[in-house]
Amino acid sequence: MAGAPNGRKVQGMGDVGRVILILGAVLLLVGAALVIGEKFGLGRLPGDLVIERKGWRISAPIATSIVLSLVLTLLANLFFRFFRR
């Protein structure tokens, strides 16, 4: 590949295509997790705040956010431990 004026390599279209495929796969996994999570009650856990009044609704899924944070932290740790070797 040709070098850029600042000394870095210029990315080809193949590299951009890989990034788009990875982002698409991540979006697919997140979408599937949201659909499956709804069936298990995510978004309606005890600790999720919902305030409804005439004409408006405010939702603060605090407990769901904590559960998702724990699960994603666990998955990220497993992923990085597996690929570190």
Protein backbone atom coordinates (compact mmCIF):
# COMPACT_ATOMS: atom_id res chain seq x y z
CA MET A 1 0.00 0.00 0.00
CA ALA A 2 1.14 3.49 -0.65
CA GLY A 3 2.33 5.55 2.29
CA ALA A 4 0.55 8.72 3.32
CA PRO A 5 2.48 12.02 3.62
CA ASN A 6 2.55 11.65 7.43
CA GLY A 7 4.28 8.25 7.19
CA ARG A 8 1.25 6.07 8.02
CA LYS A 9 -0.12 3.41 5.71
CA VAL A 10 -3.33 4.17 3.87
CA GLN A 11 -6.10 1.67 4.57
CA GLY A 12 -7.54 -0.16 1.61
CA MET A 13 -11.17 -0.86 0.90
CA GLY A 14 -10.76 -4.39 2.27
CA ASP A 15 -9.89 -3.03 5.72
CA VAL A 16 -12.91 -0.73 5.67
CA GLY A 17 -15.09 -3.65 4.58
CA ARG A 18 -13.89 -5.77 7.51
CA VAL A 19 -14.69 -3.00 9.96
CA ILE A 20 -18.20 -2.64 8.52
CA LEU A 21 -18.74 -6.42 8.74
CA ILE A 22 -17.59 -6.46 12.37
CA LEU A 23 -19.86 -3.53 13.26
CA GLY A 24 -22.76 -5.29 11.53
CA ALA A 25 -22.10 -8.48 13.47
CA VAL A 26 -21.98 -6.53 16.74
CA LEU A 27 -25.28 -4.81 15.92
CA LEU A 28 -26.83 -8.17 15.08
CA LEU A 29 -25.71 -9.63 18.41
CA VAL A 30 -26.93 -6.60 20.37
CA GLY A 31 -30.31 -6.72 18.61
CA ALA A 32 -30.68 -10.43 19.30
CA ALA A 33 -29.72 -9.90 22.94
CA LEU A 34 -32.36 -7.19 23.30
CA VAL A 35 -35.08 -9.39 21.80
CA ILE A 36 -34.09 -12.36 23.97
CA GLY A 37 -33.61 -10.15 27.05
CA GLU A 38 -37.14 -8.81 26.75
CA LYS A 39 -38.48 -12.36 27.00
CA PHE A 40 -36.56 -12.81 30.28
CA GLY A 41 -37.88 -9.58 31.78
CA LEU A 42 -35.00 -7.17 31.14
CA GLY A 43 -36.42 -3.68 31.32
CA ARG A 44 -38.99 -4.72 33.92
CA LEU A 45 -36.75 -5.81 36.78
CA PRO A 46 -37.33 -4.69 40.36
CA GLY A 47 -35.34 -1.47 40.62
CA ASP A 48 -36.25 -0.24 37.14
CA LEU A 49 -38.04 3.07 37.60
CA VAL A 50 -41.03 3.97 35.44
CA ILE A 51 -43.01 7.17 35.99
CA GLU A 52 -46.18 7.52 33.97
CA ARG A 53 -48.41 10.56 33.88
CA LYS A 54 -51.06 11.74 31.50
CA GLY A 55 -49.38 12.22 28.14
CA TRP A 56 -45.80 11.23 29.08
CA ARG A 57 -43.67 8.45 30.45
CA ILE A 58 -40.14 8.38 31.92
CA SER A 59 -38.23 5.13 32.19
CA ALA A 60 -34.94 4.65 34.06
CA PRO A 61 -33.90 0.97 33.86
CA ILE A 62 -31.37 1.10 36.70
CA ALA A 63 -31.44 -2.59 37.65
CA THR A 64 -31.34 -3.67 34.00
CA SER A 65 -28.31 -1.42 33.42
CA ILE A 66 -26.48 -2.99 36.36
CA VAL A 67 -27.25 -6.53 35.18
CA LEU A 68 -26.14 -5.74 31.62
CA SER A 69 -22.97 -4.09 32.89
CA LEU A 70 -22.06 -7.17 34.93
CA VAL A 71 -22.76 -9.55 32.06
CA LEU A 72 -20.84 -7.47 29.51
CA THR A 73 -17.89 -7.06 31.90
CA LEU A 74 -17.77 -10.82 32.41
CA LEU A 75 -17.93 -11.47 28.65
CA ALA A 76 -15.25 -8.86 27.92
CA ASN A 77 -12.93 -10.38 30.55
CA LEU A 78 -13.42 -13.86 29.14
CA PHE A 79 -12.85 -12.60 25.60
CA PHE A 80 -9.61 -10.79 26.46
CA ARG A 81 -8.28 -13.67 28.55
CA PHE A 82 -8.95 -16.08 25.70
CA PHE A 83 -7.30 -13.92 23.00
CA ARG A 84 -4.40 -12.70 25.14
CA ARG A 85 -2.51 -15.98 24.70
